[in-house]
Amino acid sequence: MTQRMHDLAEEIVRLQAELDREIERRRKALGWALKEQIGEFEHGIAVQHRQLRKTLVKFFGGASWPVVLTAPVIYSLIVPMVIVDLWVSAYQAICFRAYDIPRVKRSDYIAFDRGRLSYLNVIEALNCAFCAYANGVVAYVREVSSRTEQYWCPIKHAVKITDPHRRYYQFLEYGDAEGYRERLDAFRQRLKTEAPATPAERDA
């Protein structure tokens, strides 16, 4: 990794931290704060939210037929998602222990907090729960697979990869045969001893 690439990676992390601070300022403007991993709103704002909740009659009355007809297809994805979730959890429980790789904390990626928003009706809250689970599982699996890739094959691709995981930028250049032979053990050791990623680092 060149110094320029290292500097750019650090700049990404810095900008993510700045974005997090801006998000926190926006939270305060909207009248809520995070307390013990639960979003809490000021009383007056919570009342306003309940007044904005759509009744089920209005909700279904405004839904188009394509939305209604495709809903079962969307929700059918819960089956493969649960299977992947369970399988990957079993995989890292067995293999990461064998390789001495720190296991990914699943709860860092899957959160069901949006169901507490009082301006969502029961269907909207269910939709949010489904999206939270599906995207959380994908993010969880991505982190498990990125640790696996760092252990076995920390090599960049020859072609451009869209939105690679955060570890990818540290990988060896494509075609660096000597680097692979000399530094593979170092990549594995770094993986075993690294500190848990912060939210900003995970999103970078």
N, C-alpha and C. Protein backbone atom coordinates (compact mmCIF):
# COMPACT_ATOMS: atom_id res chain seq x y z
N MET A 1 0.84 -1.19 0.00
CA MET A 1 0.00 0.00 0.00
C MET A 1 0.88 1.25 0.00
N THR A 2 0.69 2.13 -0.96
CA THR A 2 1.51 3.33 -1.06
C THR A 2 1.11 4.33 0.02
N GLN A 3 1.96 5.32 0.25
CA GLN A 3 1.67 6.35 1.25
C GLN A 3 0.44 7.14 0.85
N ARG A 4 0.31 7.39 -0.46
CA ARG A 4 -0.85 8.14 -0.95
C ARG A 4 -2.14 7.37 -0.66
N MET A 5 -2.13 6.07 -0.89
CA MET A 5 -3.31 5.25 -0.62
C MET A 5 -3.61 5.24 0.87
N HIS A 6 -2.55 5.16 1.70
CA HIS A 6 -2.72 5.18 3.15
C HIS A 6 -3.35 6.50 3.60
N ASP A 7 -2.87 7.61 3.03
CA ASP A 7 -3.40 8.93 3.38
C ASP A 7 -4.87 9.05 2.98
N LEU A 8 -5.22 8.52 1.80
CA LEU A 8 -6.62 8.58 1.36
C LEU A 8 -7.52 7.75 2.26
N ALA A 9 -7.03 6.58 2.67
CA ALA A 9 -7.82 5.74 3.58
C ALA A 9 -8.06 6.45 4.90
N GLU A 10 -7.02 7.13 5.42
CA GLU A 10 -7.18 7.87 6.67
C GLU A 10 -8.14 9.04 6.50
N GLU A 11 -8.13 9.65 5.33
CA GLU A 11 -9.05 10.76 5.06
C GLU A 11 -10.49 10.27 5.03
N ILE A 12 -10.72 9.08 4.49
CA ILE A 12 -12.06 8.49 4.47
C ILE A 12 -12.56 8.30 5.89
N VAL A 13 -11.70 7.76 6.77
CA VAL A 13 -12.09 7.56 8.17
C VAL A 13 -12.38 8.89 8.84
N ARG A 14 -11.55 9.92 8.56
CA ARG A 14 -11.76 11.24 9.16
C ARG A 14 -13.09 11.84 8.73
N LEU A 15 -13.39 11.72 7.43
CA LEU A 15 -14.64 12.26 6.92
C LEU A 15 -15.85 11.52 7.48
N GLN A 16 -15.70 10.20 7.69
CA GLN A 16 -16.80 9.42 8.27
C GLN A 16 -17.07 9.89 9.71
N ALA A 17 -15.99 10.17 10.44
CA ALA A 17 -16.15 10.67 11.81
C ALA A 17 -16.83 12.03 11.81
N GLU A 18 -16.46 12.88 10.84
CA GLU A 18 -17.09 14.19 10.72
C GLU A 18 -18.57 14.05 10.38
N LEU A 19 -18.89 13.09 9.50
CA LEU A 19 -20.28 12.82 9.16
C LEU A 19 -21.06 12.35 10.38
N ASP A 20 -20.45 11.50 11.20
CA ASP A 20 -21.09 11.02 12.42
C ASP A 20 -21.42 12.18 13.35
N ARG A 21 -20.50 13.15 13.45
CA ARG A 21 -20.76 14.31 14.30
C ARG A 21 -21.91 15.14 13.75
N GLU A 22 -21.97 15.27 12.44
CA GLU A 22 -23.06 16.02 11.82
C GLU A 22 -24.40 15.32 12.02
N ILE A 23 -24.38 13.99 11.96
CA ILE A 23 -25.60 13.22 12.21
C ILE A 23 -26.07 13.43 13.65
N GLU A 24 -25.13 13.49 14.60
CA GLU A 24 -25.46 13.71 16.00
C GLU A 24 -26.09 15.09 16.19
N ARG A 25 -25.57 16.09 15.48
CA ARG A 25 -26.17 17.42 15.56
C ARG A 25 -27.59 17.41 15.01
N ARG A 26 -27.81 16.63 13.93
CA ARG A 26 -29.13 16.53 13.34
C ARG A 26 -30.09 15.81 14.29
N ARG A 27 -29.60 14.82 15.02
CA ARG A 27 -30.42 14.12 16.00
C ARG A 27 -30.94 15.10 17.05
N LYS A 28 -30.05 15.95 17.55
CA LYS A 28 -30.44 16.92 18.56
C LYS A 28 -31.49 17.89 18.01
N ALA A 29 -31.33 18.28 16.73
CA ALA A 29 -32.30 19.18 16.11
C ALA A 29 -33.67 18.52 15.99
N LEU A 30 -33.69 17.21 15.80
CA LEU A 30 -34.95 16.47 15.69
C LEU A 30 -35.51 16.09 17.05
N GLY A 31 -34.79 16.41 18.11
CA GLY A 31 -35.32 16.20 19.45
C GLY A 31 -35.19 14.80 20.01
N TRP A 32 -34.16 14.08 19.60
CA TRP A 32 -33.99 12.75 20.17
C TRP A 32 -32.53 12.47 20.50
N ALA A 33 -32.35 11.49 21.38
CA ALA A 33 -31.01 11.10 21.80
C ALA A 33 -30.97 9.60 21.99
N LEU A 34 -29.78 9.04 21.91
CA LEU A 34 -29.60 7.60 22.08
C LEU A 34 -29.24 7.31 23.53
N LYS A 35 -30.09 6.52 24.20
CA LYS A 35 -29.87 6.16 25.60
C LYS A 35 -29.94 4.65 25.73
N GLU A 36 -28.81 4.06 26.12
CA GLU A 36 -28.71 2.61 26.26
C GLU A 36 -29.19 1.89 25.01
N GLN A 37 -28.68 2.37 23.87
CA GLN A 37 -28.97 1.78 22.55
C GLN A 37 -30.44 1.90 22.15
N ILE A 38 -31.18 2.82 22.77
CA ILE A 38 -32.59 3.05 22.42
C ILE A 38 -32.77 4.53 22.13
N GLY A 39 -33.39 4.83 20.98
CA GLY A 39 -33.66 6.21 20.62
C GLY A 39 -34.86 6.73 21.40
N GLU A 40 -34.68 7.84 22.11
CA GLU A 40 -35.76 8.44 22.89
C GLU A 40 -36.01 9.86 22.42
N PHE A 41 -37.31 10.19 22.22
CA PHE A 41 -37.71 11.51 21.77
C PHE A 41 -38.26 12.32 22.93
N GLU A 42 -38.16 13.63 22.78
CA GLU A 42 -38.80 14.52 23.75
C GLU A 42 -40.31 14.28 23.69
N HIS A 43 -41.01 14.51 24.82
CA HIS A 43 -42.43 14.16 24.92
C HIS A 43 -43.28 14.82 23.83
N GLY A 44 -43.08 16.12 23.63
CA GLY A 44 -43.89 16.84 22.64
C GLY A 44 -43.70 16.31 21.23
N ILE A 45 -42.48 15.93 20.90
CA ILE A 45 -42.18 15.40 19.56
C ILE A 45 -42.80 14.03 19.40
N ALA A 46 -42.77 13.20 20.46
CA ALA A 46 -43.38 11.87 20.40
C ALA A 46 -44.88 11.98 20.15
N VAL A 47 -45.52 12.97 20.75
CA VAL A 47 -46.97 13.19 20.52
C VAL A 47 -47.22 13.55 19.06
N GLN A 48 -46.39 14.43 18.51
CA GLN A 48 -46.52 14.81 17.10
C GLN A 48 -46.35 13.60 16.19
N HIS A 49 -45.43 12.73 16.53
CA HIS A 49 -45.20 11.52 15.73
C HIS A 49 -46.44 10.64 15.69
N ARG A 50 -47.08 10.44 16.84
CA ARG A 50 -48.28 9.60 16.88
C ARG A 50 -49.39 10.18 16.02
N GLN A 51 -49.45 11.50 15.96
CA GLN A 51 -50.47 12.15 15.14
C GLN A 51 -50.21 11.96 13.64
N LEU A 52 -48.96 11.69 13.28
CA LEU A 52 -48.59 11.50 11.88
C LEU A 52 -48.70 10.04 11.42
N ARG A 53 -49.05 9.14 12.33
CA ARG A 53 -49.16 7.73 11.98
C ARG A 53 -50.36 7.51 11.05
N LYS A 54 -50.13 6.77 9.95
CA LYS A 54 -51.21 6.45 9.01
C LYS A 54 -52.02 5.28 9.53
N THR A 55 -53.32 5.38 9.42
CA THR A 55 -54.15 4.24 9.77
C THR A 55 -53.95 3.16 8.71
N LEU A 56 -54.29 1.91 9.07
CA LEU A 56 -54.13 0.82 8.11
C LEU A 56 -55.05 1.00 6.91
N VAL A 57 -56.21 1.60 7.13
CA VAL A 57 -57.14 1.84 6.02
C VAL A 57 -56.51 2.79 5.00
N LYS A 58 -55.93 3.87 5.48
CA LYS A 58 -55.27 4.83 4.58
C LYS A 58 -54.04 4.21 3.94
N PHE A 59 -53.32 3.43 4.73
CA PHE A 59 -52.09 2.82 4.22
C PHE A 59 -52.38 1.87 3.06
N PHE A 60 -53.31 0.95 3.27
CA PHE A 60 -53.64 -0.01 2.21
C PHE A 60 -54.41 0.66 1.08
N GLY A 61 -55.17 1.71 1.40
CA GLY A 61 -55.91 2.42 0.36
C GLY A 61 -55.00 3.13 -0.61
N GLY A 62 -53.82 3.53 -0.13
CA GLY A 62 -52.87 4.24 -1.00
C GLY A 62 -51.86 3.33 -1.66
N ALA A 63 -51.93 2.03 -1.37
CA ALA A 63 -50.96 1.09 -1.95
C ALA A 63 -51.38 0.67 -3.36
N SER A 64 -50.42 0.61 -4.27
CA SER A 64 -50.72 0.19 -5.64
C SER A 64 -50.78 -1.33 -5.71
N TRP A 65 -51.44 -1.86 -6.74
CA TRP A 65 -51.55 -3.31 -6.90
C TRP A 65 -50.20 -4.00 -7.07
N PRO A 66 -49.26 -3.42 -7.83
CA PRO A 66 -47.95 -4.06 -7.93
C PRO A 66 -47.27 -4.23 -6.57
N VAL A 67 -47.45 -3.23 -5.69
CA VAL A 67 -46.85 -3.32 -4.35
C VAL A 67 -47.47 -4.46 -3.56
N VAL A 68 -48.80 -4.55 -3.62
CA VAL A 68 -49.51 -5.60 -2.88
C VAL A 68 -49.14 -6.98 -3.42
N LEU A 69 -49.08 -7.13 -4.74
CA LEU A 69 -48.83 -8.43 -5.34
C LEU A 69 -47.39 -8.91 -5.16
N THR A 70 -46.45 -7.96 -5.09
CA THR A 70 -45.04 -8.37 -4.94
C THR A 70 -44.61 -8.53 -3.49
N ALA A 71 -45.45 -8.10 -2.56
CA ALA A 71 -45.09 -8.21 -1.13
C ALA A 71 -44.74 -9.64 -0.71
N PRO A 72 -45.51 -10.66 -1.13
CA PRO A 72 -45.14 -12.03 -0.74
C PRO A 72 -43.77 -12.46 -1.28
N VAL A 73 -43.41 -11.97 -2.47
CA VAL A 73 -42.10 -12.31 -3.04
C VAL A 73 -41.00 -11.69 -2.18
N ILE A 74 -41.21 -10.44 -1.78
CA ILE A 74 -40.21 -9.76 -0.95
C ILE A 74 -40.03 -10.50 0.37
N TYR A 75 -41.15 -10.81 1.03
CA TYR A 75 -41.06 -11.44 2.34
C TYR A 75 -40.60 -12.88 2.28
N SER A 76 -40.69 -13.50 1.10
CA SER A 76 -40.18 -14.87 0.97
C SER A 76 -38.67 -14.94 1.17
N LEU A 77 -38.00 -13.78 1.02
CA LEU A 77 -36.55 -13.75 1.21
C LEU A 77 -36.14 -14.03 2.66
N ILE A 78 -37.10 -13.96 3.58
CA ILE A 78 -36.77 -14.22 4.97
C ILE A 78 -36.21 -15.64 5.15
N VAL A 79 -36.68 -16.58 4.33
CA VAL A 79 -36.23 -17.97 4.45
C VAL A 79 -34.74 -18.11 4.14
N PRO A 80 -34.27 -17.69 2.94
CA PRO A 80 -32.82 -17.79 2.69
C PRO A 80 -31.99 -16.92 3.63
N MET A 81 -32.54 -15.77 4.05
CA MET A 81 -31.79 -14.90 4.97
C MET A 81 -31.54 -15.60 6.30
N VAL A 82 -32.56 -16.25 6.83
CA VAL A 82 -32.40 -16.96 8.11
C VAL A 82 -31.40 -18.11 7.96
N ILE A 83 -31.48 -18.82 6.83
CA ILE A 83 -30.56 -19.93 6.60
C ILE A 83 -29.12 -19.42 6.53
N VAL A 84 -28.90 -18.33 5.78
CA VAL A 84 -27.56 -17.75 5.68
C VAL A 84 -27.07 -17.27 7.05
N ASP A 85 -27.95 -16.61 7.78
CA ASP A 85 -27.61 -16.12 9.11
C ASP A 85 -27.14 -17.26 10.01
N LEU A 86 -27.92 -18.33 10.06
CA LEU A 86 -27.57 -19.47 10.91
C LEU A 86 -26.30 -20.16 10.43
N TRP A 87 -26.18 -20.30 9.11
CA TRP A 87 -25.03 -21.04 8.55
C TRP A 87 -23.73 -20.28 8.78
N VAL A 88 -23.76 -18.98 8.53
CA VAL A 88 -22.55 -18.17 8.73
C VAL A 88 -22.19 -18.10 10.20
N SER A 89 -23.19 -18.03 11.07
CA SER A 89 -22.91 -18.02 12.51
C SER A 89 -22.24 -19.32 12.93
N ALA A 90 -22.73 -20.45 12.40
CA ALA A 90 -22.10 -21.74 12.70
C ALA A 90 -20.70 -21.80 12.11
N TYR A 91 -20.54 -21.27 10.89
CA TYR A 91 -19.23 -21.27 10.22
C TYR A 91 -18.17 -20.54 11.05
N GLN A 92 -18.49 -19.33 11.49
CA GLN A 92 -17.47 -18.59 12.23
C GLN A 92 -17.26 -19.16 13.62
N ALA A 93 -18.31 -19.74 14.21
CA ALA A 93 -18.15 -20.37 15.52
C ALA A 93 -17.18 -21.54 15.46
N ILE A 94 -17.20 -22.26 14.35
CA ILE A 94 -16.32 -23.42 14.19
C ILE A 94 -14.95 -23.02 13.62
N CYS A 95 -14.99 -22.37 12.46
CA CYS A 95 -13.74 -22.11 11.73
C CYS A 95 -12.92 -20.98 12.33
N PHE A 96 -13.55 -19.89 12.75
CA PHE A 96 -12.78 -18.79 13.33
C PHE A 96 -12.10 -19.23 14.62
N ARG A 97 -12.78 -20.08 15.37
CA ARG A 97 -12.14 -20.61 16.58
C ARG A 97 -10.92 -21.44 16.21
N ALA A 98 -11.05 -22.23 15.15
CA ALA A 98 -9.92 -23.08 14.71
C ALA A 98 -8.76 -22.23 14.20
N TYR A 99 -9.06 -21.11 13.51
CA TYR A 99 -8.00 -20.26 12.96
C TYR A 99 -7.52 -19.21 13.95
N ASP A 100 -8.19 -19.14 15.12
CA ASP A 100 -7.87 -18.13 16.13
C ASP A 100 -8.15 -16.72 15.60
N ILE A 101 -9.27 -16.58 14.87
CA ILE A 101 -9.71 -15.28 14.36
C ILE A 101 -10.81 -14.76 15.28
N PRO A 102 -10.75 -13.50 15.71
CA PRO A 102 -11.84 -12.95 16.55
C PRO A 102 -13.18 -13.06 15.82
N ARG A 103 -14.19 -13.53 16.52
CA ARG A 103 -15.50 -13.71 15.89
C ARG A 103 -16.23 -12.38 15.79
N VAL A 104 -17.03 -12.24 14.74
CA VAL A 104 -17.81 -11.02 14.49
C VAL A 104 -18.99 -10.98 15.45
N LYS A 105 -19.20 -9.85 16.08
CA LYS A 105 -20.33 -9.69 17.00
C LYS A 105 -21.58 -9.37 16.18
N ARG A 106 -22.47 -10.33 16.08
CA ARG A 106 -23.66 -10.22 15.24
C ARG A 106 -24.53 -9.02 15.62
N SER A 107 -24.65 -8.75 16.90
CA SER A 107 -25.53 -7.66 17.36
C SER A 107 -25.04 -6.28 16.93
N ASP A 108 -23.78 -6.17 16.50
CA ASP A 108 -23.28 -4.89 15.99
C ASP A 108 -23.85 -4.56 14.62
N TYR A 109 -24.46 -5.53 13.97
CA TYR A 109 -24.91 -5.35 12.58
C TYR A 109 -26.43 -5.46 12.41
N ILE A 110 -27.11 -6.11 13.34
CA ILE A 110 -28.56 -6.31 13.20
C ILE A 110 -29.25 -5.60 14.36
N ALA A 111 -30.06 -4.59 14.05
CA ALA A 111 -30.75 -3.80 15.07
C ALA A 111 -32.21 -3.62 14.69
N PHE A 112 -33.08 -3.76 15.68
CA PHE A 112 -34.52 -3.63 15.44
C PHE A 112 -35.09 -2.43 16.22
N ASP A 113 -34.44 -1.29 16.09
CA ASP A 113 -34.87 -0.12 16.85
C ASP A 113 -35.95 0.72 16.17
N ARG A 114 -36.10 0.61 14.85
CA ARG A 114 -37.04 1.49 14.15
C ARG A 114 -38.50 1.15 14.45
N GLY A 115 -38.75 -0.05 14.97
CA GLY A 115 -40.11 -0.41 15.33
C GLY A 115 -40.67 0.43 16.47
N ARG A 116 -39.79 1.15 17.19
CA ARG A 116 -40.23 2.00 18.30
C ARG A 116 -40.71 3.37 17.83
N LEU A 117 -40.56 3.67 16.56
CA LEU A 117 -40.98 4.97 16.04
C LEU A 117 -42.51 5.03 16.00
N SER A 118 -43.08 5.99 16.71
CA SER A 118 -44.53 6.03 16.87
C SER A 118 -45.26 6.54 15.64
N TYR A 119 -44.55 7.08 14.64
CA TYR A 119 -45.24 7.51 13.43
C TYR A 119 -45.37 6.39 12.40
N LEU A 120 -44.87 5.20 12.74
CA LEU A 120 -45.03 4.04 11.86
C LEU A 120 -46.21 3.20 12.33
N ASN A 121 -47.07 2.78 11.39
CA ASN A 121 -48.12 1.84 11.76
C ASN A 121 -47.53 0.43 11.80
N VAL A 122 -48.36 -0.55 12.13
CA VAL A 122 -47.83 -1.90 12.36
C VAL A 122 -47.20 -2.50 11.09
N ILE A 123 -47.77 -2.19 9.91
CA ILE A 123 -47.21 -2.72 8.66
C ILE A 123 -45.89 -2.05 8.34
N GLU A 124 -45.83 -0.74 8.51
CA GLU A 124 -44.58 -0.02 8.25
C GLU A 124 -43.49 -0.48 9.22
N ALA A 125 -43.85 -0.71 10.48
CA ALA A 125 -42.87 -1.19 11.45
C ALA A 125 -42.37 -2.59 11.08
N LEU A 126 -43.29 -3.43 10.56
CA LEU A 126 -42.90 -4.77 10.11
C LEU A 126 -41.95 -4.68 8.92
N ASN A 127 -42.26 -3.78 7.98
CA ASN A 127 -41.38 -3.57 6.82
C ASN A 127 -39.98 -3.14 7.27
N CYS A 128 -39.94 -2.23 8.25
CA CYS A 128 -38.65 -1.75 8.75
C CYS A 128 -37.87 -2.88 9.42
N ALA A 129 -38.59 -3.73 10.16
CA ALA A 129 -37.93 -4.86 10.82
C ALA A 129 -37.35 -5.82 9.80
N PHE A 130 -38.09 -6.07 8.71
CA PHE A 130 -37.61 -6.96 7.66
C PHE A 130 -36.34 -6.38 7.02
N CYS A 131 -36.39 -5.10 6.67
CA CYS A 131 -35.23 -4.46 6.04
C CYS A 131 -34.03 -4.43 6.98
N ALA A 132 -34.29 -4.17 8.27
CA ALA A 132 -33.20 -4.14 9.24
C ALA A 132 -32.54 -5.51 9.33
N TYR A 133 -33.35 -6.55 9.33
CA TYR A 133 -32.79 -7.90 9.43
C TYR A 133 -32.02 -8.27 8.17
N ALA A 134 -32.65 -8.05 7.00
CA ALA A 134 -32.01 -8.43 5.74
C ALA A 134 -30.69 -7.69 5.53
N ASN A 135 -30.70 -6.38 5.69
CA ASN A 135 -29.48 -5.61 5.49
C ASN A 135 -28.46 -5.87 6.59
N GLY A 136 -28.94 -6.12 7.81
CA GLY A 136 -28.04 -6.45 8.90
C GLY A 136 -27.32 -7.77 8.67
N VAL A 137 -28.06 -8.76 8.18
CA VAL A 137 -27.45 -10.06 7.88
C VAL A 137 -26.40 -9.90 6.79
N VAL A 138 -26.73 -9.13 5.75
CA VAL A 138 -25.77 -8.91 4.66
C VAL A 138 -24.49 -8.25 5.19
N ALA A 139 -24.64 -7.23 6.05
CA ALA A 139 -23.47 -6.55 6.61
C ALA A 139 -22.67 -7.50 7.52
N TYR A 140 -23.37 -8.30 8.28
CA TYR A 140 -22.73 -9.28 9.17
C TYR A 140 -21.94 -10.31 8.36
N VAL A 141 -22.57 -10.84 7.33
CA VAL A 141 -21.91 -11.82 6.46
C VAL A 141 -20.72 -11.19 5.75
N ARG A 142 -20.86 -9.94 5.35
CA ARG A 142 -19.77 -9.23 4.66
C ARG A 142 -18.54 -9.15 5.56
N GLU A 143 -18.75 -8.85 6.84
CA GLU A 143 -17.62 -8.75 7.76
C GLU A 143 -16.99 -10.12 8.00
N VAL A 144 -17.82 -11.14 8.17
CA VAL A 144 -17.29 -12.50 8.35
C VAL A 144 -16.47 -12.91 7.12
N SER A 145 -17.02 -12.64 5.93
CA SER A 145 -16.32 -13.05 4.71
C SER A 145 -15.06 -12.22 4.48
N SER A 146 -15.08 -10.94 4.90
CA SER A 146 -13.88 -10.11 4.72
C SER A 146 -12.73 -10.60 5.61
N ARG A 147 -13.07 -11.07 6.82
CA ARG A 147 -12.03 -11.63 7.69
C ARG A 147 -11.50 -12.94 7.11
N THR A 148 -12.40 -13.71 6.53
CA THR A 148 -11.98 -14.95 5.87
C THR A 148 -11.05 -14.64 4.71
N GLU A 149 -11.39 -13.61 3.92
CA GLU A 149 -10.56 -13.25 2.77
C GLU A 149 -9.19 -12.76 3.22
N GLN A 150 -9.16 -11.98 4.29
CA GLN A 150 -7.86 -11.51 4.78
C GLN A 150 -7.00 -12.67 5.24
N TYR A 151 -7.60 -13.68 5.81
CA TYR A 151 -6.84 -14.83 6.30
C TYR A 151 -6.29 -15.67 5.16
N TRP A 152 -7.12 -15.91 4.14
CA TRP A 152 -6.74 -16.83 3.08
C TRP A 152 -6.22 -16.18 1.80
N CYS A 153 -6.73 -15.00 1.48
CA CYS A 153 -6.36 -14.43 0.16
C CYS A 153 -6.40 -12.90 0.17
N PRO A 154 -5.49 -12.25 0.90
CA PRO A 154 -5.48 -10.78 0.96
C PRO A 154 -4.85 -10.15 -0.28
N ILE A 155 -5.47 -10.37 -1.43
CA ILE A 155 -4.95 -9.89 -2.71
C ILE A 155 -6.05 -9.08 -3.43
N LYS A 156 -5.69 -7.92 -3.92
CA LYS A 156 -6.65 -7.12 -4.68
C LYS A 156 -6.92 -7.76 -6.04
N HIS A 157 -8.07 -7.45 -6.61
CA HIS A 157 -8.40 -7.95 -7.94
C HIS A 157 -7.74 -7.08 -9.01
N ALA A 158 -7.60 -7.64 -10.19
CA ALA A 158 -7.05 -6.87 -11.31
C ALA A 158 -8.08 -5.85 -11.81
N VAL A 159 -9.37 -6.22 -11.73
CA VAL A 159 -10.43 -5.33 -12.19
C VAL A 159 -10.93 -4.48 -11.02
N LYS A 160 -11.57 -3.37 -11.35
CA LYS A 160 -12.11 -2.48 -10.33
C LYS A 160 -13.30 -3.14 -9.63
N ILE A 161 -13.31 -3.11 -8.30
CA ILE A 161 -14.40 -3.67 -7.51
C ILE A 161 -15.24 -2.54 -6.95
N THR A 162 -16.53 -2.59 -7.16
CA THR A 162 -17.42 -1.56 -6.64
C THR A 162 -17.66 -1.78 -5.15
N ASP A 163 -17.43 -0.74 -4.37
CA ASP A 163 -17.70 -0.73 -2.93
C ASP A 163 -17.09 -1.93 -2.20
N PRO A 164 -15.77 -2.08 -2.25
CA PRO A 164 -15.14 -3.20 -1.54
C PRO A 164 -15.21 -3.00 -0.02
N HIS A 165 -15.04 -4.08 0.73
CA HIS A 165 -15.07 -3.98 2.19
C HIS A 165 -13.84 -3.21 2.67
N ARG A 166 -13.86 -2.78 3.92
CA ARG A 166 -12.83 -1.88 4.44
C ARG A 166 -11.44 -2.50 4.47
N ARG A 167 -11.35 -3.81 4.58
CA ARG A 167 -10.05 -4.48 4.62
C ARG A 167 -9.35 -4.50 3.27
N TYR A 168 -10.17 -4.42 2.22
CA TYR A 168 -9.66 -4.62 0.86
C TYR A 168 -8.54 -3.64 0.51
N TYR A 169 -8.64 -2.39 0.98
CA TYR A 169 -7.66 -1.37 0.61
C TYR A 169 -6.26 -1.68 1.15
N GLN A 170 -6.20 -2.51 2.19
CA GLN A 170 -4.90 -2.87 2.77
C GLN A 170 -4.28 -4.10 2.09
N PHE A 171 -5.05 -4.76 1.23
CA PHE A 171 -4.59 -6.01 0.62
C PHE A 171 -3.41 -5.78 -0.32
N LEU A 172 -2.72 -6.87 -0.65
CA LEU A 172 -1.58 -6.82 -1.57
C LEU A 172 -2.05 -6.55 -3.00
N GLU A 173 -1.19 -5.92 -3.76
CA GLU A 173 -1.54 -5.62 -5.15
C GLU A 173 -1.59 -6.91 -5.97
N TYR A 174 -2.43 -6.90 -6.95
CA TYR A 174 -2.56 -8.03 -7.87
C TYR A 174 -1.22 -8.28 -8.55
N GLY A 175 -0.72 -9.50 -8.48
CA GLY A 175 0.55 -9.83 -9.11
C GLY A 175 1.77 -9.70 -8.23
N ASP A 176 1.57 -9.25 -6.97
CA ASP A 176 2.70 -9.10 -6.05
C ASP A 176 3.01 -10.45 -5.41
N ALA A 177 3.66 -11.32 -6.15
CA ALA A 177 3.92 -12.69 -5.70
C ALA A 177 4.84 -12.72 -4.48
N GLU A 178 5.91 -11.93 -4.51
CA GLU A 178 6.84 -11.92 -3.39
C GLU A 178 6.17 -11.39 -2.13
N GLY A 179 5.37 -10.33 -2.30
CA GLY A 179 4.66 -9.77 -1.15
C GLY A 179 3.72 -10.77 -0.54
N TYR A 180 3.05 -11.56 -1.38
CA TYR A 180 2.12 -12.57 -0.88
C TYR A 180 2.85 -13.59 -0.02
N ARG A 181 3.96 -14.11 -0.54
CA ARG A 181 4.71 -15.13 0.20
C ARG A 181 5.32 -14.56 1.48
N GLU A 182 5.75 -13.30 1.42
CA GLU A 182 6.44 -12.72 2.57
C GLU A 182 5.48 -12.18 3.63
N ARG A 183 4.28 -11.74 3.21
CA ARG A 183 3.44 -11.00 4.15
C ARG A 183 2.13 -11.71 4.52
N LEU A 184 1.87 -12.88 3.96
CA LEU A 184 0.61 -13.58 4.27
C LEU A 184 0.48 -13.83 5.77
N ASP A 185 1.54 -14.30 6.40
CA ASP A 185 1.50 -14.56 7.84
C ASP A 185 1.25 -13.28 8.63
N ALA A 186 1.78 -12.16 8.13
CA ALA A 186 1.59 -10.87 8.82
C ALA A 186 0.12 -10.45 8.76
N PHE A 187 -0.51 -10.68 7.60
CA PHE A 187 -1.94 -10.36 7.47
C PHE A 187 -2.76 -11.20 8.45
N ARG A 188 -2.40 -12.46 8.58
CA ARG A 188 -3.14 -13.35 9.50
C ARG A 188 -2.93 -12.93 10.95
N GLN A 189 -1.70 -12.57 11.28
CA GLN A 189 -1.41 -12.16 12.65
C GLN A 189 -2.13 -10.86 12.99
N ARG A 190 -2.15 -9.94 12.05
CA ARG A 190 -2.84 -8.66 12.26
C ARG A 190 -4.32 -8.90 12.52
N LEU A 191 -4.89 -9.85 11.79
CA LEU A 191 -6.31 -10.18 11.94
C LEU A 191 -6.59 -10.72 13.34
N LYS A 192 -5.68 -11.53 13.84
CA LYS A 192 -5.88 -12.15 15.15
C LYS A 192 -5.77 -11.15 16.30
N THR A 193 -5.00 -10.08 16.08
CA THR A 193 -4.73 -9.15 17.18
C THR A 193 -5.41 -7.80 17.03
N GLU A 194 -6.15 -7.59 15.96
CA GLU A 194 -6.74 -6.27 15.73
C GLU A 194 -7.83 -5.96 16.75
N ALA A 195 -7.98 -4.67 17.04
CA ALA A 195 -9.04 -4.23 17.95
C ALA A 195 -10.35 -4.21 17.19
N PRO A 196 -11.48 -4.36 17.89
CA PRO A 196 -12.78 -4.30 17.22
C PRO A 196 -12.94 -2.98 16.48
N ALA A 197 -13.57 -3.03 15.30
CA ALA A 197 -13.75 -1.82 14.49
C ALA A 197 -14.80 -0.91 15.11
N THR A 198 -14.56 0.39 15.00
CA THR A 198 -15.58 1.36 15.40
C THR A 198 -16.62 1.45 14.29
N PRO A 199 -17.83 2.02 14.58
CA PRO A 199 -18.82 2.17 13.51
C PRO A 199 -18.29 2.95 12.31
N ALA A 200 -17.49 3.99 12.57
CA ALA A 200 -16.95 4.79 11.48
C ALA A 200 -16.01 3.96 10.61
N GLU A 201 -15.19 3.11 11.24
CA GLU A 201 -14.25 2.28 10.49
C GLU A 201 -14.98 1.21 9.70
N ARG A 202 -16.08 0.66 10.29
CA ARG A 202 -16.83 -0.38 9.57
C ARG A 202 -17.50 0.18 8.33
N ASP A 203 -17.92 1.46 8.41
CA ASP A 203 -18.63 2.06 7.27
C ASP A 203 -17.69 2.67 6.25
N ALA A 204 -16.41 2.80 6.60
CA ALA A 204 -15.46 3.45 5.69
C ALA A 204 -15.18 2.58 4.49
